[in-house]
Every structure is written in structure tokens, then in C-alpha cells.
């Protein structure tokens, strides 16, 4: 269980770091992605984008 939490956390950090580039591709704006303002800062939780990228990467790995 702890391993999956670490993997999900790392995936969210990676996607957040690549967010400007991914937004140009349309990721980060999917219906399941959460965006809100708190303490004067914009926060985003890209749940749907994370699932989509995870699915694509698993298909690529399976194909190779």
C-alpha cells in the first residue's frame, strides 16, 4: 500500500513539473482534473491526466 502511495505521489509531482508543456497538449484540462485557489495560490490536482498517462505508459511498456 505504501509503495502505491509513493508511486502516485511521484507521478503527481512529475506531472505538476511538466504541467506547462502538457497543457499545450491538452492534458491538465480534462474533466477529472481539479483546480482551486487556496492561500492566494493556484493549486491543481491532475487526477484524470495522471490516469491517462499511466494507461498510455503501461500500454507502451506492455507493447515493448
PDB file of N, CA and C in Angstrom:
ATOM      1  N   UNK A   1       0.819  -1.193   0.000  1.00  0.00           N
ATOM      2  CA  UNK A   1       0.000   0.000   0.000  1.00  0.00           C
ATOM      3  C   UNK A   1       0.865   1.259   0.000  1.00  0.00           C
ATOM      4  N   UNK A   2       1.891   1.250   0.814  1.00  0.00           N
ATOM      5  CA  UNK A   2       2.776   2.408   0.891  1.00  0.00           C
ATOM      6  C   UNK A   2       3.505   2.629  -0.430  1.00  0.00           C
ATOM      7  N   UNK A   3       3.859   1.546  -1.091  1.00  0.00           N
ATOM      8  CA  UNK A   3       4.547   1.652  -2.374  1.00  0.00           C
ATOM      9  C   UNK A   3       3.670   2.371  -3.400  1.00  0.00           C
ATOM     10  N   UNK A   4       2.374   2.061  -3.431  1.00  0.00           N
ATOM     11  CA  UNK A   4       1.472   2.706  -4.385  1.00  0.00           C
ATOM     12  C   UNK A   4       1.285   4.179  -4.066  1.00  0.00           C
ATOM     13  N   UNK A   5       1.247   4.515  -2.788  1.00  0.00           N
ATOM     14  CA  UNK A   5       1.136   5.928  -2.422  1.00  0.00           C
ATOM     15  C   UNK A   5       2.360   6.710  -2.881  1.00  0.00           C
ATOM     16  N   UNK A   6       3.527   6.109  -2.755  1.00  0.00           N
ATOM     17  CA  UNK A   6       4.750   6.766  -3.215  1.00  0.00           C
ATOM     18  C   UNK A   6       4.740   6.929  -4.722  1.00  0.00           C
ATOM     19  N   UNK A   7       4.301   5.910  -5.448  1.00  0.00           N
ATOM     20  CA  UNK A   7       4.237   5.977  -6.910  1.00  0.00           C
ATOM     21  C   UNK A   7       3.254   7.053  -7.356  1.00  0.00           C
ATOM     22  N   UNK A   8       2.099   7.116  -6.732  1.00  0.00           N
ATOM     23  CA  UNK A   8       1.108   8.132  -7.092  1.00  0.00           C
ATOM     24  C   UNK A   8       1.637   9.521  -6.784  1.00  0.00           C
ATOM     25  N   UNK A   9       2.286   9.684  -5.628  1.00  0.00           N
ATOM     26  CA  UNK A   9       2.856  10.980  -5.272  1.00  0.00           C
ATOM     27  C   UNK A   9       3.909  11.408  -6.286  1.00  0.00           C
ATOM     28  N   UNK A  10       4.794  10.499  -6.663  1.00  0.00           N
ATOM     29  CA  UNK A  10       5.834  10.828  -7.633  1.00  0.00           C
ATOM     30  C   UNK A  10       5.246  11.165  -9.000  1.00  0.00           C
ATOM     31  N   UNK A  11       4.196  10.451  -9.397  1.00  0.00           N
ATOM     32  CA  UNK A  11       3.541  10.741 -10.673  1.00  0.00           C
ATOM     33  C   UNK A  11       2.915  12.131 -10.646  1.00  0.00           C
ATOM     34  N   UNK A  12       2.280  12.489  -9.537  1.00  0.00           N
ATOM     35  CA  UNK A  12       1.680  13.823  -9.431  1.00  0.00           C
ATOM     36  C   UNK A  12       2.737  14.917  -9.447  1.00  0.00           C
ATOM     37  N   UNK A  13       3.849  14.690  -8.784  1.00  0.00           N
ATOM     38  CA  UNK A  13       4.934  15.673  -8.789  1.00  0.00           C
ATOM     39  C   UNK A  13       5.516  15.821 -10.192  1.00  0.00           C
ATOM     40  N   UNK A  14       5.706  14.707 -10.892  1.00  0.00           N
ATOM     41  CA  UNK A  14       6.237  14.746 -12.247  1.00  0.00           C
ATOM     42  C   UNK A  14       5.295  15.481 -13.192  1.00  0.00           C
ATOM     43  N   UNK A  15       4.029  15.195 -13.100  1.00  0.00           N
ATOM     44  CA  UNK A  15       3.061  15.857 -13.977  1.00  0.00           C
ATOM     45  C   UNK A  15       2.964  17.337 -13.651  1.00  0.00           C
ATOM     46  N   UNK A  16       3.021  17.684 -12.372  1.00  0.00           N
ATOM     47  CA  UNK A  16       2.972  19.101 -11.999  1.00  0.00           C
ATOM     48  C   UNK A  16       4.201  19.846 -12.529  1.00  0.00           C
ATOM     49  N   UNK A  17       5.344  19.190 -12.530  1.00  0.00           N
ATOM     50  CA  UNK A  17       6.546  19.816 -13.061  1.00  0.00           C
ATOM     51  C   UNK A  17       6.500  19.989 -14.568  1.00  0.00           C
ATOM     52  N   UNK A  18       5.831  19.075 -15.235  1.00  0.00           N
ATOM     53  CA  UNK A  18       5.704  19.142 -16.695  1.00  0.00           C
ATOM     54  C   UNK A  18       4.408  19.820 -17.139  1.00  0.00           C
ATOM     55  N   UNK A  19       3.669  20.396 -16.209  1.00  0.00           N
ATOM     56  CA  UNK A  19       2.346  20.955 -16.487  1.00  0.00           C
ATOM     57  C   UNK A  19       2.327  21.978 -17.621  1.00  0.00           C
ATOM     58  N   UNK A  20       3.238  22.942 -17.672  1.00  0.00           N
ATOM     59  CA  UNK A  20       3.155  23.913 -18.780  1.00  0.00           C
ATOM     60  C   UNK A  20       3.265  23.261 -20.160  1.00  0.00           C
ATOM     61  N   UNK A  21       4.146  22.285 -20.292  1.00  0.00           N
ATOM     62  CA  UNK A  21       4.298  21.594 -21.572  1.00  0.00           C
ATOM     63  C   UNK A  21       3.094  20.696 -21.860  1.00  0.00           C
ATOM     64  N   UNK A  22       2.580  20.034 -20.838  1.00  0.00           N
ATOM     65  CA  UNK A  22       1.444  19.136 -21.023  1.00  0.00           C
ATOM     66  C   UNK A  22       0.149  19.892 -21.313  1.00  0.00           C
ATOM     67  N   UNK A  23       0.014  21.111 -20.782  1.00  0.00           N
ATOM     68  CA  UNK A  23      -1.199  21.897 -21.048  1.00  0.00           C
ATOM     69  C   UNK A  23      -1.302  22.273 -22.523  1.00  0.00           C
ATOM     70  N   UNK A  24      -0.158  22.419 -23.174  1.00  0.00           N
ATOM     71  CA  UNK A  24      -0.177  22.697 -24.616  1.00  0.00           C
ATOM     72  C   UNK A  24      -0.759  21.514 -25.385  1.00  0.00           C
ATOM     73  N   UNK A  25      -0.602  20.307 -24.829  1.00  0.00           N
ATOM     74  CA  UNK A  25      -1.146  19.101 -25.455  1.00  0.00           C
ATOM     75  C   UNK A  25      -2.590  18.816 -25.036  1.00  0.00           C
ATOM     76  N   UNK A  26      -3.117  19.600 -24.089  1.00  0.00           N
ATOM     77  CA  UNK A  26      -4.491  19.404 -23.637  1.00  0.00           C
ATOM     78  C   UNK A  26      -4.603  18.651 -22.333  1.00  0.00           C
ATOM     79  N   UNK A  27      -3.495  18.147 -21.813  1.00  0.00           N
ATOM     80  CA  UNK A  27      -3.541  17.457 -20.527  1.00  0.00           C
ATOM     81  C   UNK A  27      -3.538  18.487 -19.411  1.00  0.00           C
ATOM     82  N   UNK A  28      -4.195  18.166 -18.322  1.00  0.00           N
ATOM     83  CA  UNK A  28      -4.321  19.111 -17.225  1.00  0.00           C
ATOM     84  C   UNK A  28      -5.617  19.883 -17.284  1.00  0.00           C
ATOM     85  N   UNK A  29      -6.350  19.692 -18.356  1.00  0.00           N
ATOM     86  CA  UNK A  29      -7.647  20.359 -18.527  1.00  0.00           C
ATOM     87  C   UNK A  29      -8.770  19.335 -18.707  1.00  0.00           C
ATOM     88  N   UNK A  30      -8.507  18.097 -18.385  1.00  0.00           N
ATOM     89  CA  UNK A  30      -9.511  17.051 -18.532  1.00  0.00           C
ATOM     90  C   UNK A  30     -10.580  17.200 -17.454  1.00  0.00           C
ATOM     91  N   UNK A  31     -11.767  16.622 -17.653  1.00  0.00           N
ATOM     92  CA  UNK A  31     -12.845  16.788 -16.678  1.00  0.00           C
ATOM     93  C   UNK A  31     -12.518  16.303 -15.261  1.00  0.00           C
ATOM     94  N   UNK A  32     -11.628  15.356 -15.084  1.00  0.00           N
ATOM     95  CA  UNK A  32     -11.309  14.862 -13.755  1.00  0.00           C
ATOM     96  C   UNK A  32     -10.169  15.588 -13.064  1.00  0.00           C
ATOM     97  N   UNK A  33      -9.611  16.603 -13.691  1.00  0.00           N
ATOM     98  CA  UNK A  33      -8.523  17.373 -13.101  1.00  0.00           C
ATOM     99  C   UNK A  33      -9.101  18.485 -12.225  1.00  0.00           C
ATOM    100  N   UNK A  34      -8.586  18.585 -11.017  1.00  0.00           N
ATOM    101  CA  UNK A  34      -9.107  19.564 -10.063  1.00  0.00           C
ATOM    102  C   UNK A  34      -8.197  20.784 -10.014  1.00  0.00           C
ATOM    103  N   UNK A  35      -8.815  21.970 -10.009  1.00  0.00           N
ATOM    104  CA  UNK A  35      -8.087  23.233  -9.909  1.00  0.00           C
ATOM    105  C   UNK A  35      -8.794  24.085  -8.862  1.00  0.00           C
ATOM    106  N   UNK A  36      -8.037  24.652  -7.933  1.00  0.00           N
ATOM    107  CA  UNK A  36      -8.629  25.523  -6.930  1.00  0.00           C
ATOM    108  C   UNK A  36      -7.595  26.514  -6.418  1.00  0.00           C
ATOM    109  N   UNK A  37      -8.085  27.571  -5.786  1.00  0.00           N
ATOM    110  CA  UNK A  37      -7.236  28.601  -5.184  1.00  0.00           C
ATOM    111  C   UNK A  37      -7.297  28.455  -3.680  1.00  0.00           C
ATOM    112  N   UNK A  38      -6.123  28.479  -3.054  1.00  0.00           N
ATOM    113  CA  UNK A  38      -6.046  28.424  -1.602  1.00  0.00           C
ATOM    114  C   UNK A  38      -4.837  29.231  -1.153  1.00  0.00           C
ATOM    115  N   UNK A  39      -5.053  30.100  -0.199  1.00  0.00           N
ATOM    116  CA  UNK A  39      -4.000  30.947   0.355  1.00  0.00           C
ATOM    117  C   UNK A  39      -3.323  31.791  -0.724  1.00  0.00           C
ATOM    118  N   UNK A  40      -4.106  32.276  -1.685  1.00  0.00           N
ATOM    119  CA  UNK A  40      -3.573  33.143  -2.725  1.00  0.00           C
ATOM    120  C   UNK A  40      -2.734  32.435  -3.778  1.00  0.00           C
ATOM    121  N   UNK A  41      -2.820  31.133  -3.825  1.00  0.00           N
ATOM    122  CA  UNK A  41      -2.031  30.373  -4.790  1.00  0.00           C
ATOM    123  C   UNK A  41      -2.925  29.412  -5.565  1.00  0.00           C
ATOM    124  N   UNK A  42      -2.608  29.212  -6.823  1.00  0.00           N
ATOM    125  CA  UNK A  42      -3.361  28.277  -7.674  1.00  0.00           C
ATOM    126  C   UNK A  42      -2.834  26.861  -7.455  1.00  0.00           C
ATOM    127  N   UNK A  43      -3.710  25.948  -7.104  1.00  0.00           N
ATOM    128  CA  UNK A  43      -3.352  24.550  -6.900  1.00  0.00           C
ATOM    129  C   UNK A  43      -4.092  23.704  -7.915  1.00  0.00           C
ATOM    130  N   UNK A  44      -3.431  22.675  -8.408  1.00  0.00           N
ATOM    131  CA  UNK A  44      -4.099  21.754  -9.329  1.00  0.00           C
ATOM    132  C   UNK A  44      -3.752  20.322  -8.948  1.00  0.00           C
ATOM    133  N   UNK A  45      -4.742  19.468  -9.066  1.00  0.00           N
ATOM    134  CA  UNK A  45      -4.561  18.041  -8.820  1.00  0.00           C
ATOM    135  C   UNK A  45      -5.012  17.326 -10.092  1.00  0.00           C
ATOM    136  N   UNK A  46      -4.069  16.917 -10.925  1.00  0.00           N
ATOM    137  CA  UNK A  46      -4.407  16.343 -12.238  1.00  0.00           C
ATOM    138  C   UNK A  46      -4.725  14.849 -12.169  1.00  0.00           C
ATOM    139  N   UNK A  47      -5.859  14.488 -11.591  1.00  0.00           N
ATOM    140  CA  UNK A  47      -6.208  13.081 -11.427  1.00  0.00           C
ATOM    141  C   UNK A  47      -6.464  12.378 -12.763  1.00  0.00           C
ATOM    142  N   UNK A  48      -7.289  12.968 -13.592  1.00  0.00           N
ATOM    143  CA  UNK A  48      -7.619  12.330 -14.873  1.00  0.00           C
ATOM    144  C   UNK A  48      -6.396  12.267 -15.790  1.00  0.00           C
ATOM    145  N   UNK A  49      -5.583  13.299 -15.777  1.00  0.00           N
ATOM    146  CA  UNK A  49      -4.373  13.290 -16.608  1.00  0.00           C
ATOM    147  C   UNK A  49      -3.399  12.222 -16.126  1.00  0.00           C
ATOM    148  N   UNK A  50      -3.297  12.050 -14.813  1.00  0.00           N
ATOM    149  CA  UNK A  50      -2.425  11.018 -14.265  1.00  0.00           C
ATOM    150  C   UNK A  50      -2.885   9.633 -14.693  1.00  0.00           C
ATOM    151  N   UNK A  51      -4.182   9.397 -14.638  1.00  0.00           N
ATOM    152  CA  UNK A  51      -4.707   8.094 -15.063  1.00  0.00           C
ATOM    153  C   UNK A  51      -4.482   7.858 -16.549  1.00  0.00           C
ATOM    154  N   UNK A  52      -4.687   8.881 -17.355  1.00  0.00           N
ATOM    155  CA  UNK A  52      -4.487   8.749 -18.796  1.00  0.00           C
ATOM    156  C   UNK A  52      -3.027   8.471 -19.134  1.00  0.00           C
ATOM    157  N   UNK A  53      -2.112   9.215 -18.533  1.00  0.00           N
ATOM    158  CA  UNK A  53      -0.686   8.988 -18.791  1.00  0.00           C
ATOM    159  C   UNK A  53      -0.232   7.634 -18.273  1.00  0.00           C
ATOM    160  N   UNK A  54      -0.774   7.198 -17.149  1.00  0.00           N
ATOM    161  CA  UNK A  54      -0.446   5.888 -16.610  1.00  0.00           C
ATOM    162  C   UNK A  54      -0.901   4.781 -17.553  1.00  0.00           C
ATOM    163  N   UNK A  55      -2.088   4.933 -18.091  1.00  0.00           N
ATOM    164  CA  UNK A  55      -2.607   3.952 -19.045  1.00  0.00           C
ATOM    165  C   UNK A  55      -1.743   3.915 -20.305  1.00  0.00           C
ATOM    166  N   UNK A  56      -1.386   5.076 -20.821  1.00  0.00           N
ATOM    167  CA  UNK A  56      -0.549   5.123 -22.021  1.00  0.00           C
ATOM    168  C   UNK A  56       0.826   4.503 -21.778  1.00  0.00           C
ATOM    169  N   UNK A  57       1.441   4.820 -20.641  1.00  0.00           N
ATOM    170  CA  UNK A  57       2.757   4.255 -20.340  1.00  0.00           C
ATOM    171  C   UNK A  57       2.687   2.747 -20.138  1.00  0.00           C
ATOM    172  N   UNK A  58       1.629   2.266 -19.499  1.00  0.00           N
ATOM    173  CA  UNK A  58       1.523   0.815 -19.308  1.00  0.00           C
ATOM    174  C   UNK A  58       1.311   0.099 -20.636  1.00  0.00           C
ATOM    175  N   UNK A  59       0.568   0.715 -21.556  1.00  0.00           N
ATOM    176  CA  UNK A  59       0.394   0.104 -22.878  1.00  0.00           C
ATOM    177  C   UNK A  59       1.693   0.095 -23.659  1.00  0.00           C
ATOM    178  N   UNK A  60       2.478   1.166 -23.539  1.00  0.00           N
ATOM    179  CA  UNK A  60       3.778   1.210 -24.225  1.00  0.00           C
ATOM    180  C   UNK A  60       4.714   0.152 -23.667  1.00  0.00           C
ATOM    181  N   UNK A  61       4.761   0.027 -22.353  1.00  0.00           N
ATOM    182  CA  UNK A  61       5.631  -0.966 -21.729  1.00  0.00           C
ATOM    183  C   UNK A  61       5.185  -2.381 -22.089  1.00  0.00           C
ATOM    184  N   UNK A  62       3.888  -2.603 -22.118  1.00  0.00           N
ATOM    185  CA  UNK A  62       3.363  -3.925 -22.482  1.00  0.00           C
ATOM    186  C   UNK A  62       3.697  -4.253 -23.940  1.00  0.00           C
ATOM    187  N   UNK A  63       3.641  -3.251 -24.789  1.00  0.00           N
ATOM    188  CA  UNK A  63       3.912  -3.453 -26.198  1.00  0.00           C
ATOM    189  C   UNK A  63       5.384  -3.753 -26.442  1.00  0.00           C
ATOM    190  N   UNK A  64       6.263  -3.114 -25.674  1.00  0.00           N
ATOM    191  CA  UNK A  64       7.702  -3.360 -25.842  1.00  0.00           C
ATOM    192  C   UNK A  64       8.031  -4.697 -25.254  1.00  0.00           C
TER     193      UNK A  64
END
